[in-house]
């Protein structure tokens, strides 16, 4: 009988694009993965991968096997969801979501909150990580949804679909202690002042760099942050001007005691829900997209 553990190793490796990344996802060594895949190939009597430089490519037999593996593990996920119930017999909706680490935590909360406000019980499992790593987990159906600030590129070999949630212009903030150092109107007041900016992985970063060049602005960049919460913590202490989505403007000003010094519609942060469903059927994903489009970003 076919060893489904071996098939799972093959499936994750194929979807992750290689044994190194698959090993990280499955918390095992590339050598173990390679050995298990070889046993599967011996059982099937077919080669499933071939080497192409440093990468592994699926053979024709491998593509056929991957199609069957997709169906097998999709059904397995449906079985697990169907069998998971509360002790009183009430069915619980399982919702596994990944949030790209470049998305502000407050935005992520506002986007995900509608999933927990549904009438039926929901068990949400939320993980954070690099966008590409989350897409790999989505591809092997370990996640139902990925929240990101950029769309899935056509160059990525993941069969999934972008669902635009909305966009937000960017607001600029500073601590009251730093306000006295600003000279002139916004945005010229940014010249020469210390500034905290998003890391290179952020989708808004390239827009910001081009914006500075176009307006001939020269702030003194003192820090770059992949973690938006850490950037705001430094900004709260007066270490520099920082920017965040305008949809969070009131919350940031109230929570951190900072001042809004300006806004720019030229800088737009986009938010996407990425799922394997072309037409949304998962109730949690539907609640998230409907609320985001109808209330959060519309406002």
C-alpha atoms as a PDB file:
ATOM      1  CA  UNK A   1       0.000   0.000   0.000  1.00  0.00           C
ATOM      2  CA  UNK A   2       1.191   3.524  -0.799  1.00  0.00           C
ATOM      3  CA  UNK A   3       2.944   5.230   2.118  1.00  0.00           C
ATOM      4  CA  UNK A   4       1.119   8.552   2.472  1.00  0.00           C
ATOM      5  CA  UNK A   5       3.908  10.013   4.607  1.00  0.00           C
ATOM      6  CA  UNK A   6       6.256   9.601   1.664  1.00  0.00           C
ATOM      7  CA  UNK A   7       3.621  11.188  -0.579  1.00  0.00           C
ATOM      8  CA  UNK A   8       3.319  14.143   1.772  1.00  0.00           C
ATOM      9  CA  UNK A   9       7.078  14.716   1.687  1.00  0.00           C
ATOM     10  CA  UNK A  10       6.936  14.710  -2.106  1.00  0.00           C
ATOM     11  CA  UNK A  11       3.909  17.042  -2.120  1.00  0.00           C
ATOM     12  CA  UNK A  12       5.430  19.647   0.195  1.00  0.00           C
ATOM     13  CA  UNK A  13       8.757  19.545  -1.669  1.00  0.00           C
ATOM     14  CA  UNK A  14       7.042  20.035  -5.017  1.00  0.00           C
ATOM     15  CA  UNK A  15       4.958  22.955  -3.734  1.00  0.00           C
ATOM     16  CA  UNK A  16       7.850  24.554  -1.840  1.00  0.00           C
ATOM     17  CA  UNK A  17      10.177  24.351  -4.834  1.00  0.00           C
ATOM     18  CA  UNK A  18      12.947  22.286  -3.274  1.00  0.00           C
ATOM     19  CA  UNK A  19      14.057  20.198  -0.328  1.00  0.00           C
ATOM     20  CA  UNK A  20      15.697  23.077   1.561  1.00  0.00           C
ATOM     21  CA  UNK A  21      12.524  25.152   1.915  1.00  0.00           C
ATOM     22  CA  UNK A  22      10.374  22.047   2.368  1.00  0.00           C
ATOM     23  CA  UNK A  23      12.675  20.909   5.176  1.00  0.00           C
ATOM     24  CA  UNK A  24      12.208  24.244   6.943  1.00  0.00           C
ATOM     25  CA  UNK A  25       8.426  23.943   6.687  1.00  0.00           C
ATOM     26  CA  UNK A  26       8.325  20.347   7.906  1.00  0.00           C
ATOM     27  CA  UNK A  27      11.076  20.787  10.510  1.00  0.00           C
ATOM     28  CA  UNK A  28      13.203  18.005   9.068  1.00  0.00           C
ATOM     29  CA  UNK A  29      16.472  17.713   7.181  1.00  0.00           C
ATOM     30  CA  UNK A  30      16.814  17.832   3.389  1.00  0.00           C
ATOM     31  CA  UNK A  31      18.541  14.438   3.583  1.00  0.00           C
ATOM     32  CA  UNK A  32      15.491  12.912   5.268  1.00  0.00           C
ATOM     33  CA  UNK A  33      13.182  14.402   2.654  1.00  0.00           C
ATOM     34  CA  UNK A  34      15.318  13.171  -0.218  1.00  0.00           C
ATOM     35  CA  UNK A  35      15.423   9.675   1.269  1.00  0.00           C
ATOM     36  CA  UNK A  36      11.650   9.530   1.738  1.00  0.00           C
ATOM     37  CA  UNK A  37      10.993  10.790  -1.788  1.00  0.00           C
ATOM     38  CA  UNK A  38      13.363   8.174  -3.175  1.00  0.00           C
ATOM     39  CA  UNK A  39      11.359   5.460  -1.397  1.00  0.00           C
ATOM     40  CA  UNK A  40       8.186   6.846  -2.987  1.00  0.00           C
ATOM     41  CA  UNK A  41       9.810   6.792  -6.414  1.00  0.00           C
ATOM     42  CA  UNK A  42      10.848   3.177  -5.877  1.00  0.00           C
ATOM     43  CA  UNK A  43       7.305   2.271  -4.813  1.00  0.00           C
ATOM     44  CA  UNK A  44       5.795   3.935  -7.899  1.00  0.00           C
ATOM     45  CA  UNK A  45       8.538   2.838 -10.264  1.00  0.00           C
ATOM     46  CA  UNK A  46       8.854   6.377 -11.647  1.00  0.00           C
ATOM     47  CA  UNK A  47      11.223   9.320 -11.269  1.00  0.00           C
ATOM     48  CA  UNK A  48       9.312  12.283  -9.871  1.00  0.00           C
ATOM     49  CA  UNK A  49      12.076  14.904  -9.883  1.00  0.00           C
ATOM     50  CA  UNK A  50      15.057  15.729 -12.037  1.00  0.00           C
ATOM     51  CA  UNK A  51      17.888  18.145 -11.284  1.00  0.00           C
ATOM     52  CA  UNK A  52      18.110  21.411 -13.192  1.00  0.00           C
ATOM     53  CA  UNK A  53      21.242  23.137 -11.984  1.00  0.00           C
ATOM     54  CA  UNK A  54      20.785  23.533  -8.237  1.00  0.00           C
ATOM     55  CA  UNK A  55      17.024  23.194  -8.444  1.00  0.00           C
ATOM     56  CA  UNK A  56      14.640  20.266  -8.640  1.00  0.00           C
ATOM     57  CA  UNK A  57      12.091  20.098 -11.430  1.00  0.00           C
ATOM     58  CA  UNK A  58       9.095  17.816 -11.663  1.00  0.00           C
ATOM     59  CA  UNK A  59       9.207  15.173 -14.365  1.00  0.00           C
ATOM     60  CA  UNK A  60       6.089  14.451 -16.404  1.00  0.00           C
ATOM     61  CA  UNK A  61       5.320  11.603 -13.991  1.00  0.00           C
ATOM     62  CA  UNK A  62       5.958  13.995 -11.118  1.00  0.00           C
ATOM     63  CA  UNK A  63       3.351  16.435 -12.418  1.00  0.00           C
ATOM     64  CA  UNK A  64       0.807  13.630 -12.674  1.00  0.00           C
ATOM     65  CA  UNK A  65       1.631  12.510  -9.125  1.00  0.00           C
ATOM     66  CA  UNK A  66       1.339  16.089  -7.853  1.00  0.00           C
ATOM     67  CA  UNK A  67      -2.179  16.373  -9.271  1.00  0.00           C
ATOM     68  CA  UNK A  68      -3.275  13.271  -7.396  1.00  0.00           C
ATOM     69  CA  UNK A  69      -1.471  14.425  -4.240  1.00  0.00           C
ATOM     70  CA  UNK A  70      -3.340  17.749  -4.382  1.00  0.00           C
ATOM     71  CA  UNK A  71      -6.667  15.929  -4.433  1.00  0.00           C
ATOM     72  CA  UNK A  72      -5.661  13.493  -1.692  1.00  0.00           C
ATOM     73  CA  UNK A  73      -4.499  16.132   0.764  1.00  0.00           C
ATOM     74  CA  UNK A  74      -7.335  18.515  -0.075  1.00  0.00           C
ATOM     75  CA  UNK A  75      -9.745  15.755   0.873  1.00  0.00           C
ATOM     76  CA  UNK A  76      -7.708  15.082   4.002  1.00  0.00           C
ATOM     77  CA  UNK A  77      -8.070  18.724   5.029  1.00  0.00           C
ATOM     78  CA  UNK A  78     -11.811  18.579   4.433  1.00  0.00           C
ATOM     79  CA  UNK A  79     -12.036  15.397   6.512  1.00  0.00           C
ATOM     80  CA  UNK A  80     -10.147  17.004   9.397  1.00  0.00           C
ATOM     81  CA  UNK A  81     -12.376  20.084   9.329  1.00  0.00           C
ATOM     82  CA  UNK A  82     -15.544  18.006   9.146  1.00  0.00           C
ATOM     83  CA  UNK A  83     -14.553  15.865  12.121  1.00  0.00           C
ATOM     84  CA  UNK A  84     -13.419  18.695  14.381  1.00  0.00           C
ATOM     85  CA  UNK A  85     -16.364  19.600  16.608  1.00  0.00           C
ATOM     86  CA  UNK A  86     -17.000  21.063  20.019  1.00  0.00           C
ATOM     87  CA  UNK A  87     -17.806  18.695  22.843  1.00  0.00           C
ATOM     88  CA  UNK A  88     -21.470  19.704  22.678  1.00  0.00           C
ATOM     89  CA  UNK A  89     -21.570  18.558  19.073  1.00  0.00           C
ATOM     90  CA  UNK A  90     -21.636  22.043  17.566  1.00  0.00           C
ATOM     91  CA  UNK A  91     -19.496  22.271  14.463  1.00  0.00           C
ATOM     92  CA  UNK A  92     -16.538  24.660  14.559  1.00  0.00           C
ATOM     93  CA  UNK A  93     -15.224  26.444  11.471  1.00  0.00           C
ATOM     94  CA  UNK A  94     -11.466  26.018  11.202  1.00  0.00           C
ATOM     95  CA  UNK A  95      -9.637  29.075   9.882  1.00  0.00           C
ATOM     96  CA  UNK A  96      -5.880  29.045   9.318  1.00  0.00           C
ATOM     97  CA  UNK A  97      -4.455  32.384   8.272  1.00  0.00           C
ATOM     98  CA  UNK A  98      -0.964  33.704   7.656  1.00  0.00           C
ATOM     99  CA  UNK A  99      -0.076  37.396   7.951  1.00  0.00           C
ATOM    100  CA  UNK A 100       2.941  38.769   6.103  1.00  0.00           C
ATOM    101  CA  UNK A 101       5.313  40.370   8.593  1.00  0.00           C
ATOM    102  CA  UNK A 102       5.323  43.592   6.551  1.00  0.00           C
ATOM    103  CA  UNK A 103       1.645  44.186   7.385  1.00  0.00           C
ATOM    104  CA  UNK A 104       1.056  46.452  10.394  1.00  0.00           C
ATOM    105  CA  UNK A 105      -0.318  44.466  13.332  1.00  0.00           C
ATOM    106  CA  UNK A 106      -3.184  46.911  13.866  1.00  0.00           C
ATOM    107  CA  UNK A 107      -4.249  46.565  10.225  1.00  0.00           C
ATOM    108  CA  UNK A 108      -4.027  42.777  10.491  1.00  0.00           C
ATOM    109  CA  UNK A 109      -6.242  42.833  13.579  1.00  0.00           C
ATOM    110  CA  UNK A 110      -8.863  45.010  11.917  1.00  0.00           C
ATOM    111  CA  UNK A 111      -8.887  42.770   8.862  1.00  0.00           C
ATOM    112  CA  UNK A 112      -9.153  39.515  10.825  1.00  0.00           C
ATOM    113  CA  UNK A 113     -11.587  40.661  13.522  1.00  0.00           C
ATOM    114  CA  UNK A 114     -14.743  39.994  11.415  1.00  0.00           C
ATOM    115  CA  UNK A 115     -13.847  36.287  11.302  1.00  0.00           C
ATOM    116  CA  UNK A 116     -14.358  36.070  15.066  1.00  0.00           C
ATOM    117  CA  UNK A 117     -17.596  38.030  15.019  1.00  0.00           C
ATOM    118  CA  UNK A 118     -19.544  35.465  13.001  1.00  0.00           C
ATOM    119  CA  UNK A 119     -22.500  33.706  14.584  1.00  0.00           C
ATOM    120  CA  UNK A 120     -21.057  30.221  14.173  1.00  0.00           C
ATOM    121  CA  UNK A 121     -18.041  29.256  16.329  1.00  0.00           C
ATOM    122  CA  UNK A 122     -14.625  29.801  14.708  1.00  0.00           C
ATOM    123  CA  UNK A 123     -11.246  28.413  15.698  1.00  0.00           C
ATOM    124  CA  UNK A 124      -8.630  30.711  14.147  1.00  0.00           C
ATOM    125  CA  UNK A 125      -4.967  29.763  13.919  1.00  0.00           C
ATOM    126  CA  UNK A 126      -2.877  32.797  12.993  1.00  0.00           C
ATOM    127  CA  UNK A 127       0.801  32.744  12.025  1.00  0.00           C
ATOM    128  CA  UNK A 128       3.191  35.452  10.873  1.00  0.00           C
ATOM    129  CA  UNK A 129       6.088  35.111   8.473  1.00  0.00           C
ATOM    130  CA  UNK A 130       7.787  36.123   5.262  1.00  0.00           C
ATOM    131  CA  UNK A 131       5.416  36.481   2.341  1.00  0.00           C
ATOM    132  CA  UNK A 132       7.077  33.786   0.220  1.00  0.00           C
ATOM    133  CA  UNK A 133       7.098  31.288   3.094  1.00  0.00           C
ATOM    134  CA  UNK A 134       3.396  31.877   3.742  1.00  0.00           C
ATOM    135  CA  UNK A 135       2.622  31.340   0.058  1.00  0.00           C
ATOM    136  CA  UNK A 136       4.415  27.999   0.203  1.00  0.00           C
ATOM    137  CA  UNK A 137       2.216  26.963   3.136  1.00  0.00           C
ATOM    138  CA  UNK A 138      -0.872  28.167   1.255  1.00  0.00           C
ATOM    139  CA  UNK A 139       0.147  26.074  -1.737  1.00  0.00           C
ATOM    140  CA  UNK A 140       0.155  22.876   0.330  1.00  0.00           C
ATOM    141  CA  UNK A 141      -3.118  23.852   2.038  1.00  0.00           C
ATOM    142  CA  UNK A 142      -1.643  24.442   5.465  1.00  0.00           C
ATOM    143  CA  UNK A 143      -3.267  27.881   5.324  1.00  0.00           C
ATOM    144  CA  UNK A 144      -6.697  28.985   4.155  1.00  0.00           C
ATOM    145  CA  UNK A 145      -5.660  32.593   3.606  1.00  0.00           C
ATOM    146  CA  UNK A 146      -2.655  34.908   3.466  1.00  0.00           C
ATOM    147  CA  UNK A 147      -2.992  38.614   4.329  1.00  0.00           C
ATOM    148  CA  UNK A 148      -0.337  40.691   2.559  1.00  0.00           C
ATOM    149  CA  UNK A 149       0.504  44.202   1.381  1.00  0.00           C
ATOM    150  CA  UNK A 150       1.311  43.015  -2.131  1.00  0.00           C
ATOM    151  CA  UNK A 151      -0.420  40.735  -4.635  1.00  0.00           C
ATOM    152  CA  UNK A 152       0.693  37.266  -5.617  1.00  0.00           C
ATOM    153  CA  UNK A 153       2.979  37.596  -8.622  1.00  0.00           C
ATOM    154  CA  UNK A 154       2.358  35.574 -11.764  1.00  0.00           C
ATOM    155  CA  UNK A 155       5.995  34.545 -11.611  1.00  0.00           C
ATOM    156  CA  UNK A 156       5.348  32.575  -8.412  1.00  0.00           C
ATOM    157  CA  UNK A 157       4.382  28.968  -9.107  1.00  0.00           C
ATOM    158  CA  UNK A 158       1.524  28.889  -6.605  1.00  0.00           C
ATOM    159  CA  UNK A 159      -2.033  28.282  -7.775  1.00  0.00           C
ATOM    160  CA  UNK A 160      -3.822  30.947  -5.786  1.00  0.00           C
ATOM    161  CA  UNK A 161      -5.850  34.095  -6.356  1.00  0.00           C
ATOM    162  CA  UNK A 162      -5.596  37.717  -5.248  1.00  0.00           C
ATOM    163  CA  UNK A 163      -8.615  39.315  -3.585  1.00  0.00           C
ATOM    164  CA  UNK A 164      -8.053  43.067  -3.260  1.00  0.00           C
ATOM    165  CA  UNK A 165      -9.198  44.379   0.122  1.00  0.00           C
ATOM    166  CA  UNK A 166      -8.456  48.069  -0.269  1.00  0.00           C
ATOM    167  CA  UNK A 167      -5.804  50.765  -0.171  1.00  0.00           C
ATOM    168  CA  UNK A 168      -4.809  53.431   2.312  1.00  0.00           C
ATOM    169  CA  UNK A 169      -2.776  56.613   1.828  1.00  0.00           C
ATOM    170  CA  UNK A 170       0.088  57.196   4.228  1.00  0.00           C
ATOM    171  CA  UNK A 171       0.208  59.589   7.177  1.00  0.00           C
ATOM    172  CA  UNK A 172       3.369  60.989   8.765  1.00  0.00           C
ATOM    173  CA  UNK A 173       3.767  61.185  12.549  1.00  0.00           C
ATOM    174  CA  UNK A 174       6.245  62.505  15.083  1.00  0.00           C
ATOM    175  CA  UNK A 175       6.490  62.840  18.847  1.00  0.00           C
ATOM    176  CA  UNK A 176       5.720  66.291  20.327  1.00  0.00           C
ATOM    177  CA  UNK A 177       9.379  66.571  21.379  1.00  0.00           C
ATOM    178  CA  UNK A 178      10.442  66.401  17.726  1.00  0.00           C
ATOM    179  CA  UNK A 179       7.808  68.768  16.335  1.00  0.00           C
ATOM    180  CA  UNK A 180       9.816  71.878  17.231  1.00  0.00           C
ATOM    181  CA  UNK A 181      12.621  70.771  14.881  1.00  0.00           C
ATOM    182  CA  UNK A 182      10.349  70.793  11.822  1.00  0.00           C
ATOM    183  CA  UNK A 183      10.730  73.803   9.549  1.00  0.00           C
ATOM    184  CA  UNK A 184       8.171  74.836   6.947  1.00  0.00           C
ATOM    185  CA  UNK A 185       5.088  73.125   5.606  1.00  0.00           C
ATOM    186  CA  UNK A 186       4.705  69.421   4.906  1.00  0.00           C
ATOM    187  CA  UNK A 187       6.397  67.722   3.081  1.00  0.00           C
ATOM    188  CA  UNK A 188       9.309  70.192   2.915  1.00  0.00           C
ATOM    189  CA  UNK A 189       9.518  70.022   6.707  1.00  0.00           C
ATOM    190  CA  UNK A 190      11.013  66.517   6.332  1.00  0.00           C
ATOM    191  CA  UNK A 191      14.295  67.935   5.023  1.00  0.00           C
ATOM    192  CA  UNK A 192      17.108  67.236   7.447  1.00  0.00           C
ATOM    193  CA  UNK A 193      14.984  65.724  10.214  1.00  0.00           C
ATOM    194  CA  UNK A 194      15.618  62.200  11.516  1.00  0.00           C
ATOM    195  CA  UNK A 195      13.307  59.661   9.920  1.00  0.00           C
ATOM    196  CA  UNK A 196      12.350  56.046  10.576  1.00  0.00           C
ATOM    197  CA  UNK A 197      11.257  54.108   7.509  1.00  0.00           C
ATOM    198  CA  UNK A 198       9.922  50.708   6.500  1.00  0.00           C
ATOM    199  CA  UNK A 199      12.387  48.017   5.452  1.00  0.00           C
ATOM    200  CA  UNK A 200      13.142  47.156   1.851  1.00  0.00           C
ATOM    201  CA  UNK A 201      10.622  44.281   1.910  1.00  0.00           C
ATOM    202  CA  UNK A 202       7.708  46.656   2.445  1.00  0.00           C
ATOM    203  CA  UNK A 203       5.624  47.364  -0.652  1.00  0.00           C
ATOM    204  CA  UNK A 204       5.400  51.074   0.201  1.00  0.00           C
ATOM    205  CA  UNK A 205       9.184  51.485   0.489  1.00  0.00           C
ATOM    206  CA  UNK A 206       9.872  51.796  -3.246  1.00  0.00           C
ATOM    207  CA  UNK A 207       7.054  54.308  -3.559  1.00  0.00           C
ATOM    208  CA  UNK A 208       8.553  56.317  -0.706  1.00  0.00           C
ATOM    209  CA  UNK A 209      12.064  56.357  -2.190  1.00  0.00           C
ATOM    210  CA  UNK A 210      10.684  57.550  -5.548  1.00  0.00           C
ATOM    211  CA  UNK A 211       8.515  60.139  -3.777  1.00  0.00           C
ATOM    212  CA  UNK A 212      11.543  61.618  -2.009  1.00  0.00           C
ATOM    213  CA  UNK A 213      13.456  61.825  -5.279  1.00  0.00           C
ATOM    214  CA  UNK A 214      10.556  63.417  -7.156  1.00  0.00           C
ATOM    215  CA  UNK A 215      10.021  66.091  -4.487  1.00  0.00           C
ATOM    216  CA  UNK A 216      13.765  66.546  -3.840  1.00  0.00           C
ATOM    217  CA  UNK A 217      13.372  65.790  -0.156  1.00  0.00           C
ATOM    218  CA  UNK A 218      16.320  64.743   1.989  1.00  0.00           C
ATOM    219  CA  UNK A 219      15.384  63.500   5.462  1.00  0.00           C
ATOM    220  CA  UNK A 220      18.104  61.988   7.658  1.00  0.00           C
ATOM    221  CA  UNK A 221      17.127  58.311   7.688  1.00  0.00           C
ATOM    222  CA  UNK A 222      18.266  56.926  11.044  1.00  0.00           C
ATOM    223  CA  UNK A 223      16.549  53.541  11.019  1.00  0.00           C
ATOM    224  CA  UNK A 224      14.884  50.972   8.759  1.00  0.00           C
ATOM    225  CA  UNK A 225      12.409  48.484  10.237  1.00  0.00           C
ATOM    226  CA  UNK A 226      10.771  45.301   9.021  1.00  0.00           C
ATOM    227  CA  UNK A 227       8.679  45.342  12.199  1.00  0.00           C
ATOM    228  CA  UNK A 228       6.270  48.276  12.043  1.00  0.00           C
ATOM    229  CA  UNK A 229       5.467  48.062  15.755  1.00  0.00           C
ATOM    230  CA  UNK A 230       9.145  48.521  16.618  1.00  0.00           C
ATOM    231  CA  UNK A 231       9.373  51.497  14.268  1.00  0.00           C
ATOM    232  CA  UNK A 232       6.406  53.154  16.004  1.00  0.00           C
ATOM    233  CA  UNK A 233       8.001  52.477  19.403  1.00  0.00           C
ATOM    234  CA  UNK A 234      11.115  54.390  18.333  1.00  0.00           C
ATOM    235  CA  UNK A 235       8.984  57.152  16.842  1.00  0.00           C
ATOM    236  CA  UNK A 236       6.995  57.514  20.046  1.00  0.00           C
ATOM    237  CA  UNK A 237      10.241  58.262  21.887  1.00  0.00           C
ATOM    238  CA  UNK A 238      11.102  61.074  19.476  1.00  0.00           C
ATOM    239  CA  UNK A 239      13.778  59.204  17.515  1.00  0.00           C
ATOM    240  CA  UNK A 240      12.346  60.224  14.162  1.00  0.00           C
ATOM    241  CA  UNK A 241       9.377  60.962  11.945  1.00  0.00           C
ATOM    242  CA  UNK A 242       7.624  57.815  10.723  1.00  0.00           C
ATOM    243  CA  UNK A 243       4.751  56.939   8.414  1.00  0.00           C
ATOM    244  CA  UNK A 244       1.877  54.491   8.699  1.00  0.00           C
ATOM    245  CA  UNK A 245      -1.393  53.823   6.835  1.00  0.00           C
ATOM    246  CA  UNK A 246      -3.883  56.654   7.291  1.00  0.00           C
ATOM    247  CA  UNK A 247      -6.564  54.112   8.163  1.00  0.00           C
ATOM    248  CA  UNK A 248      -4.719  53.791  11.500  1.00  0.00           C
ATOM    249  CA  UNK A 249      -4.185  57.514  11.981  1.00  0.00           C
ATOM    250  CA  UNK A 250      -6.546  58.117  14.904  1.00  0.00           C
ATOM    251  CA  UNK A 251      -5.528  54.921  16.672  1.00  0.00           C
ATOM    252  CA  UNK A 252      -1.778  55.626  16.426  1.00  0.00           C
ATOM    253  CA  UNK A 253      -2.119  59.252  17.537  1.00  0.00           C
ATOM    254  CA  UNK A 254      -4.275  58.293  20.512  1.00  0.00           C
ATOM    255  CA  UNK A 255      -2.333  55.213  21.601  1.00  0.00           C
ATOM    256  CA  UNK A 256       1.203  56.564  21.239  1.00  0.00           C
ATOM    257  CA  UNK A 257       0.703  60.278  21.900  1.00  0.00           C
ATOM    258  CA  UNK A 258       2.198  61.317  18.554  1.00  0.00           C
ATOM    259  CA  UNK A 259       1.150  64.091  16.178  1.00  0.00           C
ATOM    260  CA  UNK A 260       0.086  63.858  12.544  1.00  0.00           C
ATOM    261  CA  UNK A 261       2.269  66.253  10.551  1.00  0.00           C
ATOM    262  CA  UNK A 262       0.998  65.445   7.069  1.00  0.00           C
ATOM    263  CA  UNK A 263      -0.482  62.960   4.630  1.00  0.00           C
ATOM    264  CA  UNK A 264       0.283  61.901   1.085  1.00  0.00           C
ATOM    265  CA  UNK A 265      -2.138  60.369  -1.386  1.00  0.00           C
ATOM    266  CA  UNK A 266       0.851  59.688  -3.649  1.00  0.00           C
ATOM    267  CA  UNK A 267       1.890  56.926  -1.239  1.00  0.00           C
ATOM    268  CA  UNK A 268      -0.639  54.109  -1.164  1.00  0.00           C
ATOM    269  CA  UNK A 269      -0.384  50.887   0.802  1.00  0.00           C
ATOM    270  CA  UNK A 270      -2.422  48.057  -0.701  1.00  0.00           C
ATOM    271  CA  UNK A 271      -3.823  45.065   1.150  1.00  0.00           C
ATOM    272  CA  UNK A 272      -4.729  41.685  -0.287  1.00  0.00           C
ATOM    273  CA  UNK A 273      -6.325  38.462   0.820  1.00  0.00           C
ATOM    274  CA  UNK A 274      -4.723  35.571  -1.087  1.00  0.00           C
ATOM    275  CA  UNK A 275      -6.458  32.203  -1.165  1.00  0.00           C
ATOM    276  CA  UNK A 276      -6.613  29.070  -3.288  1.00  0.00           C
ATOM    277  CA  UNK A 277     -10.252  29.893  -4.024  1.00  0.00           C
ATOM    278  CA  UNK A 278     -11.073  31.876  -7.153  1.00  0.00           C
ATOM    279  CA  UNK A 279     -14.604  32.386  -5.845  1.00  0.00           C
ATOM    280  CA  UNK A 280     -14.647  32.877  -2.097  1.00  0.00           C
ATOM    281  CA  UNK A 281     -16.616  30.205  -0.250  1.00  0.00           C
ATOM    282  CA  UNK A 282     -14.850  30.016   3.129  1.00  0.00           C
ATOM    283  CA  UNK A 283     -17.131  31.944   5.528  1.00  0.00           C
ATOM    284  CA  UNK A 284     -14.233  33.593   7.380  1.00  0.00           C
ATOM    285  CA  UNK A 285     -12.604  34.804   4.167  1.00  0.00           C
ATOM    286  CA  UNK A 286     -15.968  36.130   2.978  1.00  0.00           C
ATOM    287  CA  UNK A 287     -16.466  38.032   6.257  1.00  0.00           C
ATOM    288  CA  UNK A 288     -12.972  39.559   6.008  1.00  0.00           C
ATOM    289  CA  UNK A 289     -13.283  40.678   2.387  1.00  0.00           C
ATOM    290  CA  UNK A 290     -16.811  42.031   2.780  1.00  0.00           C
ATOM    291  CA  UNK A 291     -15.932  44.072   5.877  1.00  0.00           C
ATOM    292  CA  UNK A 292     -12.686  45.427   4.429  1.00  0.00           C
ATOM    293  CA  UNK A 293     -14.283  46.542   1.185  1.00  0.00           C
ATOM    294  CA  UNK A 294     -17.520  47.791   2.694  1.00  0.00           C
ATOM    295  CA  UNK A 295     -16.366  49.506   5.871  1.00  0.00           C
ATOM    296  CA  UNK A 296     -12.656  49.571   6.764  1.00  0.00           C
ATOM    297  CA  UNK A 297     -11.076  50.978   3.623  1.00  0.00           C
ATOM    298  CA  UNK A 298     -14.246  52.517   2.260  1.00  0.00           C
ATOM    299  CA  UNK A 299     -14.300  54.854   5.250  1.00  0.00           C
END
